[in-house]
């Protein structure tokens, strides 16, 4: 099923506190978002994280968008970068 018929795309978070996570998101006016916000609990504290689209591709008829962490606009959080490599 293509993105045009499903109305969804897969967001891939490639770095930051959500590194390695995937989620299905709804297309907006037929397109993936350029910027997304996610609320997540890190060490029991809820924080708002902003991610920017950096790459879009189609895999088996499904749109996938890779998002990079925007630390400057996100809530401060300490996470061990070495744990994520």
C-alpha atoms as a PDB file:
ATOM      1  CA  UNK A   1       0.000   0.000   0.000  1.00  0.00           C
ATOM      2  CA  UNK A   2       1.473   3.360  -0.984  1.00  0.00           C
ATOM      3  CA  UNK A   3       1.598   6.475   1.167  1.00  0.00           C
ATOM      4  CA  UNK A   4      -1.021   8.069  -1.081  1.00  0.00           C
ATOM      5  CA  UNK A   5      -3.547   5.363  -0.181  1.00  0.00           C
ATOM      6  CA  UNK A   6      -2.524   4.794   3.442  1.00  0.00           C
ATOM      7  CA  UNK A   7      -2.165   8.463   4.428  1.00  0.00           C
ATOM      8  CA  UNK A   8       0.774   7.522   6.658  1.00  0.00           C
ATOM      9  CA  UNK A   9       4.541   7.551   6.684  1.00  0.00           C
ATOM     10  CA  UNK A  10       7.214   6.075   8.941  1.00  0.00           C
ATOM     11  CA  UNK A  11       9.321   8.492  10.990  1.00  0.00           C
ATOM     12  CA  UNK A  12      12.816   7.286  11.934  1.00  0.00           C
ATOM     13  CA  UNK A  13      14.612   9.128  14.729  1.00  0.00           C
ATOM     14  CA  UNK A  14      18.326   8.877  13.943  1.00  0.00           C
ATOM     15  CA  UNK A  15      19.914  10.563  16.962  1.00  0.00           C
ATOM     16  CA  UNK A  16      19.229  12.278  20.277  1.00  0.00           C
ATOM     17  CA  UNK A  17      17.239  10.785  23.132  1.00  0.00           C
ATOM     18  CA  UNK A  18      14.851   8.975  20.761  1.00  0.00           C
ATOM     19  CA  UNK A  19      17.598   7.458  18.606  1.00  0.00           C
ATOM     20  CA  UNK A  20      16.532   4.201  16.986  1.00  0.00           C
ATOM     21  CA  UNK A  21      12.798   4.720  17.504  1.00  0.00           C
ATOM     22  CA  UNK A  22      10.276   4.461  14.673  1.00  0.00           C
ATOM     23  CA  UNK A  23       6.649   5.553  14.547  1.00  0.00           C
ATOM     24  CA  UNK A  24       3.850   5.804  12.028  1.00  0.00           C
ATOM     25  CA  UNK A  25       2.637   9.343  11.485  1.00  0.00           C
ATOM     26  CA  UNK A  26      -0.193  10.820   9.421  1.00  0.00           C
ATOM     27  CA  UNK A  27       0.613  12.738   6.250  1.00  0.00           C
ATOM     28  CA  UNK A  28      -0.375  16.415   6.410  1.00  0.00           C
ATOM     29  CA  UNK A  29      -1.920  17.615   3.142  1.00  0.00           C
ATOM     30  CA  UNK A  30      -0.430  14.508   1.543  1.00  0.00           C
ATOM     31  CA  UNK A  31       3.127  15.212   2.732  1.00  0.00           C
ATOM     32  CA  UNK A  32       5.275  14.203   5.715  1.00  0.00           C
ATOM     33  CA  UNK A  33       6.017  16.880   8.272  1.00  0.00           C
ATOM     34  CA  UNK A  34       9.287  18.812   8.073  1.00  0.00           C
ATOM     35  CA  UNK A  35       9.482  19.158  11.865  1.00  0.00           C
ATOM     36  CA  UNK A  36       7.961  17.071  14.641  1.00  0.00           C
ATOM     37  CA  UNK A  37       7.738  17.362  18.405  1.00  0.00           C
ATOM     38  CA  UNK A  38       7.736  14.341  20.708  1.00  0.00           C
ATOM     39  CA  UNK A  39       7.096  14.204  24.423  1.00  0.00           C
ATOM     40  CA  UNK A  40       9.037  11.426  26.114  1.00  0.00           C
ATOM     41  CA  UNK A  41      10.017  10.521  29.645  1.00  0.00           C
ATOM     42  CA  UNK A  42      13.762  10.262  30.166  1.00  0.00           C
ATOM     43  CA  UNK A  43      14.791   9.091  33.638  1.00  0.00           C
ATOM     44  CA  UNK A  44      11.196   9.679  34.783  1.00  0.00           C
ATOM     45  CA  UNK A  45      11.077  13.311  33.633  1.00  0.00           C
ATOM     46  CA  UNK A  46       8.820  14.278  30.716  1.00  0.00           C
ATOM     47  CA  UNK A  47      10.576  16.424  28.129  1.00  0.00           C
ATOM     48  CA  UNK A  48       9.677  17.948  24.755  1.00  0.00           C
ATOM     49  CA  UNK A  49      12.027  17.012  21.917  1.00  0.00           C
ATOM     50  CA  UNK A  50      12.077  18.615  18.469  1.00  0.00           C
ATOM     51  CA  UNK A  51      13.255  16.763  15.371  1.00  0.00           C
ATOM     52  CA  UNK A  52      13.816  18.042  11.807  1.00  0.00           C
ATOM     53  CA  UNK A  53      13.392  15.999   8.616  1.00  0.00           C
ATOM     54  CA  UNK A  54      16.719  15.360   6.897  1.00  0.00           C
ATOM     55  CA  UNK A  55      15.976  12.595   4.391  1.00  0.00           C
ATOM     56  CA  UNK A  56      12.920  11.206   2.651  1.00  0.00           C
ATOM     57  CA  UNK A  57      12.808   7.946   0.718  1.00  0.00           C
ATOM     58  CA  UNK A  58      10.367   5.290  -0.397  1.00  0.00           C
ATOM     59  CA  UNK A  59      10.837   1.661   0.672  1.00  0.00           C
ATOM     60  CA  UNK A  60       8.486  -0.951  -0.796  1.00  0.00           C
ATOM     61  CA  UNK A  61       5.896   1.724  -1.561  1.00  0.00           C
ATOM     62  CA  UNK A  62       6.070   3.205   1.938  1.00  0.00           C
ATOM     63  CA  UNK A  63       7.369   6.718   2.617  1.00  0.00           C
ATOM     64  CA  UNK A  64      10.084   6.856   5.285  1.00  0.00           C
ATOM     65  CA  UNK A  65      11.468  10.084   6.697  1.00  0.00           C
ATOM     66  CA  UNK A  66      14.605  10.335   8.831  1.00  0.00           C
ATOM     67  CA  UNK A  67      14.583  12.979  11.569  1.00  0.00           C
ATOM     68  CA  UNK A  68      17.576  14.594  13.302  1.00  0.00           C
ATOM     69  CA  UNK A  69      17.426  15.889  16.898  1.00  0.00           C
ATOM     70  CA  UNK A  70      17.321  19.683  17.405  1.00  0.00           C
ATOM     71  CA  UNK A  71      18.957  20.071  20.820  1.00  0.00           C
ATOM     72  CA  UNK A  72      18.734  23.877  20.734  1.00  0.00           C
ATOM     73  CA  UNK A  73      14.924  23.926  20.614  1.00  0.00           C
ATOM     74  CA  UNK A  74      14.346  20.864  22.805  1.00  0.00           C
ATOM     75  CA  UNK A  75      14.098  20.627  26.562  1.00  0.00           C
ATOM     76  CA  UNK A  76      17.500  20.016  28.112  1.00  0.00           C
ATOM     77  CA  UNK A  77      18.231  16.403  28.840  1.00  0.00           C
ATOM     78  CA  UNK A  78      21.341  14.493  29.660  1.00  0.00           C
ATOM     79  CA  UNK A  79      21.787  11.234  27.833  1.00  0.00           C
ATOM     80  CA  UNK A  80      24.927   9.204  27.343  1.00  0.00           C
ATOM     81  CA  UNK A  81      25.860   9.478  23.652  1.00  0.00           C
ATOM     82  CA  UNK A  82      28.280   6.529  24.081  1.00  0.00           C
ATOM     83  CA  UNK A  83      25.364   4.256  25.034  1.00  0.00           C
ATOM     84  CA  UNK A  84      23.736   4.992  21.683  1.00  0.00           C
ATOM     85  CA  UNK A  85      26.684   4.157  19.448  1.00  0.00           C
END
